[in-house]
Structures are given as structure tokens and as C-alpha cells.
N, C-alpha and C. Protein backbone atom coordinates (compact mmCIF):
# COMPACT_ATOMS: atom_id res chain seq x y z
N MET A 1 63.28 115.20 -27.53
CA MET A 1 62.35 114.08 -27.50
C MET A 1 63.00 112.88 -28.15
N THR A 2 62.81 111.73 -27.54
CA THR A 2 63.23 110.49 -28.18
C THR A 2 61.98 109.71 -28.55
N THR A 3 61.96 109.19 -29.74
CA THR A 3 60.76 108.55 -30.26
C THR A 3 60.40 107.25 -29.57
N ASP A 4 61.36 106.63 -28.89
CA ASP A 4 61.07 105.38 -28.20
C ASP A 4 60.75 105.59 -26.71
N CYS A 5 60.67 106.84 -26.25
CA CYS A 5 60.40 107.14 -24.85
C CYS A 5 58.90 107.37 -24.64
N LEU A 6 58.31 106.57 -23.77
CA LEU A 6 56.88 106.67 -23.46
C LEU A 6 56.49 108.08 -23.03
N PHE A 7 57.26 108.67 -22.10
CA PHE A 7 56.89 109.99 -21.59
C PHE A 7 57.11 111.09 -22.62
N CYS A 8 58.11 110.96 -23.49
CA CYS A 8 58.29 111.93 -24.57
C CYS A 8 57.09 111.89 -25.52
N ARG A 9 56.60 110.70 -25.79
CA ARG A 9 55.44 110.55 -26.68
C ARG A 9 54.18 111.13 -26.04
N MET A 10 54.07 111.06 -24.73
CA MET A 10 52.96 111.70 -24.03
C MET A 10 53.11 113.21 -24.07
N ALA A 11 54.33 113.69 -23.83
CA ALA A 11 54.58 115.14 -23.84
C ALA A 11 54.23 115.75 -25.18
N SER A 12 54.55 115.06 -26.27
CA SER A 12 54.31 115.59 -27.61
C SER A 12 52.86 115.47 -28.06
N GLY A 13 52.07 114.67 -27.35
CA GLY A 13 50.69 114.44 -27.75
C GLY A 13 50.51 113.23 -28.64
N GLU A 14 51.61 112.57 -29.00
CA GLU A 14 51.52 111.36 -29.82
C GLU A 14 50.70 110.29 -29.11
N ILE A 15 50.89 110.17 -27.80
CA ILE A 15 50.06 109.30 -26.97
C ILE A 15 49.16 110.22 -26.16
N PRO A 16 47.86 110.20 -26.42
CA PRO A 16 46.96 111.08 -25.67
C PRO A 16 46.88 110.67 -24.20
N VAL A 17 46.94 111.64 -23.33
CA VAL A 17 46.85 111.41 -21.90
C VAL A 17 46.26 112.66 -21.25
N ALA A 18 45.44 112.44 -20.23
CA ALA A 18 44.87 113.58 -19.50
C ALA A 18 45.97 114.20 -18.64
N LYS A 19 46.26 115.46 -18.89
CA LYS A 19 47.33 116.14 -18.16
C LYS A 19 46.73 116.99 -17.04
N VAL A 20 47.29 116.85 -15.85
CA VAL A 20 46.89 117.64 -14.70
C VAL A 20 47.47 119.05 -14.82
N HIS A 21 48.62 119.15 -15.48
CA HIS A 21 49.31 120.42 -15.69
C HIS A 21 50.12 120.30 -16.99
N GLU A 22 50.23 121.43 -17.68
CA GLU A 22 51.09 121.47 -18.88
C GLU A 22 51.53 122.90 -19.13
N ASP A 23 52.84 123.08 -19.32
CA ASP A 23 53.39 124.35 -19.77
C ASP A 23 54.56 124.04 -20.69
N ASP A 24 55.36 125.02 -21.02
CA ASP A 24 56.44 124.79 -21.98
C ASP A 24 57.58 123.93 -21.43
N LEU A 25 57.71 123.82 -20.10
CA LEU A 25 58.80 123.06 -19.49
C LEU A 25 58.38 121.76 -18.84
N VAL A 26 57.16 121.73 -18.30
CA VAL A 26 56.74 120.66 -17.41
C VAL A 26 55.32 120.22 -17.72
N PHE A 27 55.06 118.92 -17.55
CA PHE A 27 53.68 118.44 -17.57
C PHE A 27 53.50 117.45 -16.43
N ALA A 28 52.25 117.19 -16.08
CA ALA A 28 51.96 116.28 -14.97
C ALA A 28 50.75 115.42 -15.34
N ILE A 29 50.82 114.15 -14.94
CA ILE A 29 49.75 113.19 -15.20
C ILE A 29 49.51 112.36 -13.94
N ARG A 30 48.32 111.84 -13.81
CA ARG A 30 48.03 110.93 -12.70
C ARG A 30 48.64 109.57 -13.03
N ASP A 31 49.23 108.94 -12.03
CA ASP A 31 49.86 107.62 -12.22
C ASP A 31 48.78 106.58 -12.50
N ILE A 32 49.04 105.68 -13.44
CA ILE A 32 48.05 104.65 -13.78
C ILE A 32 47.98 103.53 -12.75
N ASN A 33 48.97 103.48 -11.85
CA ASN A 33 49.00 102.49 -10.78
C ASN A 33 49.26 103.22 -9.45
N PRO A 34 48.27 103.99 -8.98
CA PRO A 34 48.52 104.87 -7.84
C PRO A 34 48.87 104.11 -6.57
N GLN A 35 49.86 104.65 -5.85
CA GLN A 35 50.32 104.09 -4.59
C GLN A 35 49.83 104.90 -3.39
N ALA A 36 49.03 105.91 -3.65
CA ALA A 36 48.44 106.76 -2.62
C ALA A 36 47.20 107.40 -3.24
N PRO A 37 46.30 107.95 -2.41
CA PRO A 37 45.12 108.61 -2.98
C PRO A 37 45.47 109.68 -4.02
N THR A 38 46.53 110.44 -3.78
CA THR A 38 47.08 111.33 -4.80
C THR A 38 48.42 110.74 -5.22
N HIS A 39 48.54 110.44 -6.51
CA HIS A 39 49.81 109.96 -7.06
C HIS A 39 49.92 110.55 -8.46
N VAL A 40 50.69 111.60 -8.56
CA VAL A 40 50.86 112.34 -9.81
C VAL A 40 52.33 112.30 -10.21
N LEU A 41 52.58 112.11 -11.49
CA LEU A 41 53.94 112.18 -12.04
C LEU A 41 54.15 113.59 -12.59
N VAL A 42 55.22 114.23 -12.17
CA VAL A 42 55.58 115.57 -12.65
C VAL A 42 56.86 115.40 -13.45
N LEU A 43 56.81 115.81 -14.73
CA LEU A 43 57.88 115.48 -15.67
C LEU A 43 58.31 116.69 -16.49
N PRO A 44 59.59 116.74 -16.86
CA PRO A 44 60.00 117.75 -17.83
C PRO A 44 59.52 117.35 -19.23
N VAL A 45 59.19 118.33 -20.04
CA VAL A 45 58.82 118.05 -21.43
C VAL A 45 60.05 117.52 -22.18
N ALA A 46 61.20 118.14 -21.96
CA ALA A 46 62.44 117.72 -22.61
C ALA A 46 62.89 116.38 -22.04
N HIS A 47 63.49 115.57 -22.86
CA HIS A 47 63.96 114.26 -22.40
C HIS A 47 65.25 114.40 -21.60
N ILE A 48 65.17 113.96 -20.36
CA ILE A 48 66.33 113.81 -19.47
C ILE A 48 66.16 112.41 -18.89
N GLY A 49 67.16 111.58 -18.99
CA GLY A 49 67.02 110.18 -18.59
C GLY A 49 66.68 109.97 -17.13
N SER A 50 67.33 110.71 -16.24
CA SER A 50 67.08 110.59 -14.80
C SER A 50 67.76 111.76 -14.10
N ALA A 51 67.57 111.82 -12.79
CA ALA A 51 68.22 112.86 -12.00
C ALA A 51 69.73 112.77 -12.07
N ALA A 52 70.26 111.60 -12.39
CA ALA A 52 71.72 111.42 -12.50
C ALA A 52 72.31 112.25 -13.64
N GLU A 53 71.48 112.66 -14.59
CA GLU A 53 71.96 113.44 -15.74
C GLU A 53 71.85 114.95 -15.53
N LEU A 54 71.28 115.38 -14.42
CA LEU A 54 71.08 116.81 -14.18
C LEU A 54 72.40 117.52 -13.88
N THR A 55 72.46 118.78 -14.28
CA THR A 55 73.62 119.62 -13.98
C THR A 55 73.10 120.92 -13.36
N GLU A 56 74.03 121.78 -12.94
CA GLU A 56 73.63 123.07 -12.39
C GLU A 56 72.81 123.88 -13.38
N ALA A 57 73.03 123.67 -14.65
CA ALA A 57 72.27 124.40 -15.67
C ALA A 57 70.78 124.06 -15.65
N ASP A 58 70.45 122.94 -15.01
CA ASP A 58 69.04 122.50 -14.94
C ASP A 58 68.30 123.09 -13.74
N ALA A 59 68.94 123.97 -12.98
CA ALA A 59 68.32 124.53 -11.78
C ALA A 59 66.96 125.17 -12.07
N PRO A 60 66.78 125.97 -13.13
CA PRO A 60 65.46 126.54 -13.38
C PRO A 60 64.39 125.47 -13.64
N LEU A 61 64.76 124.41 -14.34
CA LEU A 61 63.82 123.31 -14.59
C LEU A 61 63.44 122.63 -13.27
N LEU A 62 64.42 122.39 -12.42
CA LEU A 62 64.12 121.76 -11.12
C LEU A 62 63.20 122.64 -10.29
N GLY A 63 63.44 123.93 -10.30
CA GLY A 63 62.55 124.85 -9.59
C GLY A 63 61.14 124.77 -10.11
N ARG A 64 61.00 124.66 -11.42
CA ARG A 64 59.67 124.56 -12.03
C ARG A 64 59.01 123.23 -11.64
N LEU A 65 59.76 122.11 -11.67
CA LEU A 65 59.20 120.82 -11.28
C LEU A 65 58.66 120.89 -9.85
N PHE A 66 59.44 121.46 -8.93
CA PHE A 66 59.02 121.56 -7.53
C PHE A 66 57.82 122.49 -7.37
N SER A 67 57.81 123.61 -8.08
CA SER A 67 56.69 124.55 -7.93
C SER A 67 55.40 123.97 -8.50
N VAL A 68 55.50 123.23 -9.60
CA VAL A 68 54.31 122.58 -10.16
C VAL A 68 53.81 121.51 -9.19
N ALA A 69 54.72 120.74 -8.59
CA ALA A 69 54.31 119.73 -7.61
C ALA A 69 53.58 120.39 -6.44
N ALA A 70 54.11 121.50 -5.94
CA ALA A 70 53.47 122.19 -4.82
C ALA A 70 52.09 122.71 -5.21
N LYS A 71 51.95 123.21 -6.41
CA LYS A 71 50.65 123.71 -6.89
C LYS A 71 49.63 122.57 -6.96
N ILE A 72 50.05 121.42 -7.49
CA ILE A 72 49.14 120.28 -7.59
C ILE A 72 48.78 119.77 -6.19
N ALA A 73 49.75 119.72 -5.29
CA ALA A 73 49.47 119.28 -3.91
C ALA A 73 48.43 120.19 -3.27
N GLN A 74 48.56 121.48 -3.48
CA GLN A 74 47.58 122.42 -2.94
C GLN A 74 46.21 122.19 -3.57
N GLN A 75 46.17 122.03 -4.89
CA GLN A 75 44.90 121.80 -5.58
C GLN A 75 44.23 120.51 -5.11
N ASP A 76 45.03 119.50 -4.78
CA ASP A 76 44.49 118.22 -4.32
C ASP A 76 44.22 118.19 -2.82
N GLY A 77 44.42 119.32 -2.15
CA GLY A 77 44.08 119.43 -0.73
C GLY A 77 44.99 118.66 0.20
N LEU A 78 46.27 118.60 -0.11
CA LEU A 78 47.21 117.83 0.70
C LEU A 78 47.82 118.69 1.81
N GLU A 79 46.97 119.35 2.59
CA GLU A 79 47.44 120.25 3.65
C GLU A 79 48.26 119.52 4.71
N GLY A 80 47.99 118.22 4.94
CA GLY A 80 48.69 117.47 5.97
C GLY A 80 50.09 117.04 5.58
N GLY A 81 50.45 117.21 4.33
CA GLY A 81 51.78 116.85 3.85
C GLY A 81 51.73 115.94 2.64
N TRP A 82 52.88 115.80 2.03
CA TRP A 82 53.01 114.98 0.82
C TRP A 82 54.47 114.62 0.64
N ARG A 83 54.72 113.70 -0.26
CA ARG A 83 56.09 113.23 -0.54
C ARG A 83 56.36 113.43 -2.03
N LEU A 84 57.60 113.82 -2.34
CA LEU A 84 58.04 113.97 -3.72
C LEU A 84 59.29 113.11 -3.90
N VAL A 85 59.23 112.16 -4.84
CA VAL A 85 60.29 111.16 -5.01
C VAL A 85 60.70 111.10 -6.47
N SER A 86 62.00 110.97 -6.71
CA SER A 86 62.51 110.70 -8.05
C SER A 86 63.40 109.46 -7.97
N ASN A 87 63.01 108.41 -8.63
CA ASN A 87 63.79 107.17 -8.67
C ASN A 87 64.85 107.29 -9.75
N VAL A 88 66.03 106.71 -9.49
CA VAL A 88 67.13 106.76 -10.46
C VAL A 88 67.63 105.35 -10.71
N GLY A 89 67.52 104.90 -11.95
CA GLY A 89 68.04 103.60 -12.35
C GLY A 89 67.22 102.43 -11.83
N PRO A 90 67.50 101.25 -12.36
CA PRO A 90 66.74 100.06 -11.98
C PRO A 90 66.78 99.75 -10.48
N ASP A 91 67.94 99.88 -9.84
CA ASP A 91 68.02 99.60 -8.41
C ASP A 91 67.27 100.63 -7.59
N GLY A 92 67.07 101.81 -8.13
CA GLY A 92 66.31 102.86 -7.45
C GLY A 92 64.82 102.77 -7.72
N GLY A 93 64.41 101.83 -8.57
CA GLY A 93 63.00 101.66 -8.88
C GLY A 93 62.51 102.40 -10.10
N GLN A 94 63.42 102.99 -10.88
CA GLN A 94 63.00 103.72 -12.09
C GLN A 94 62.67 102.73 -13.19
N THR A 95 61.42 102.80 -13.69
CA THR A 95 60.99 101.86 -14.74
C THR A 95 60.89 102.51 -16.11
N VAL A 96 60.78 103.83 -16.16
CA VAL A 96 60.76 104.56 -17.44
C VAL A 96 61.94 105.52 -17.42
N PRO A 97 62.88 105.39 -18.37
CA PRO A 97 64.08 106.23 -18.35
C PRO A 97 63.83 107.64 -18.87
N HIS A 98 63.00 108.38 -18.17
CA HIS A 98 62.73 109.80 -18.42
C HIS A 98 62.51 110.39 -17.03
N LEU A 99 63.27 111.41 -16.68
CA LEU A 99 63.16 112.03 -15.36
C LEU A 99 61.70 112.29 -15.03
N HIS A 100 61.28 111.85 -13.85
CA HIS A 100 59.95 112.18 -13.35
C HIS A 100 59.95 112.11 -11.84
N MET A 101 59.06 112.90 -11.26
CA MET A 101 58.92 112.96 -9.82
C MET A 101 57.53 112.43 -9.48
N HIS A 102 57.47 111.58 -8.47
CA HIS A 102 56.21 111.06 -7.97
C HIS A 102 55.73 111.96 -6.84
N LEU A 103 54.58 112.58 -7.01
CA LEU A 103 53.93 113.34 -5.95
C LEU A 103 52.93 112.41 -5.29
N LEU A 104 53.17 112.09 -4.03
CA LEU A 104 52.33 111.14 -3.29
C LEU A 104 51.73 111.84 -2.08
N GLY A 105 50.44 111.64 -1.85
CA GLY A 105 49.79 112.23 -0.69
C GLY A 105 48.41 111.68 -0.46
N GLY A 106 47.78 112.17 0.57
CA GLY A 106 46.43 111.73 0.89
C GLY A 106 46.39 110.58 1.88
N ARG A 107 47.54 110.17 2.36
CA ARG A 107 47.64 109.15 3.40
C ARG A 107 48.95 109.39 4.14
N SER A 108 49.09 108.76 5.29
CA SER A 108 50.33 108.87 6.06
C SER A 108 51.45 108.13 5.33
N MET A 109 52.59 108.77 5.22
CA MET A 109 53.77 108.16 4.60
C MET A 109 54.65 107.58 5.71
N HIS A 110 55.30 106.49 5.42
CA HIS A 110 56.15 105.82 6.41
C HIS A 110 57.60 105.94 6.00
N TRP A 111 58.50 105.78 6.96
CA TRP A 111 59.93 105.81 6.70
C TRP A 111 60.57 104.62 7.38
N PRO A 112 61.45 103.93 6.77
CA PRO A 112 61.92 104.19 5.43
C PRO A 112 60.93 103.69 4.38
N PRO A 113 60.97 104.29 3.18
CA PRO A 113 60.12 103.80 2.11
C PRO A 113 60.60 102.41 1.67
N GLY A 114 59.77 101.72 0.88
CA GLY A 114 60.09 100.36 0.43
C GLY A 114 61.39 100.28 -0.17
């Protein structure tokens, strides 16, 4: 955990937030500026700056992030499909330097994304 990281402070409980999911590796919260009817952030509890910092050793964590996203998508009734996105760096649209995945659904997604 880094004390200046917004998501680390949420993970630790220092900043109270309603969590859609929480376990020892991963937590999930609804985005405060949703871009789709379902817009949930799925995050590791441990601080990782972005996907660019991941290594093969992180494979179990990645599996957990994906499985939690799938569980939330099912709970939110996204039978028609959903999108999972991880932005990396400022040019990729990452605004908080803590790895997180955006689970988006509940509407038709277009390609290419913005």
C-alpha cells in the first residue's frame, strides 16, 4: 500500500467506499462517473501501478481479477456481453496510478473505443 494512492486508501478502509466485492486479493467498486449502466472498477488490494508492471508471477492475481469481473457481470445480468478494460499511463487514459479494470456493460459497446 502507498499512502498517497487513492485506491490503496480505499482498499485499506481509510477512505470508506461501498464495495461490490472484497477478498484478500481483489476488491471492486462502482465507478463514480459511470460510462455505461454497469461500470465497476475491479482492483487488486496490493498496489501495482498499472498493467505495465505485471510479470508472469502475477498470473494468479490476473485470474482472480478476471473471475471477479465475470462474477459481477453475471450478478448485474450482463448476459448480452460486457467489456473489460485496463488503461495504462496517461496516453492510455489511466488517471489513477493503481492497476484497475473497468467492467462496462448494460449497453451496446462500439469499436474502436474512444
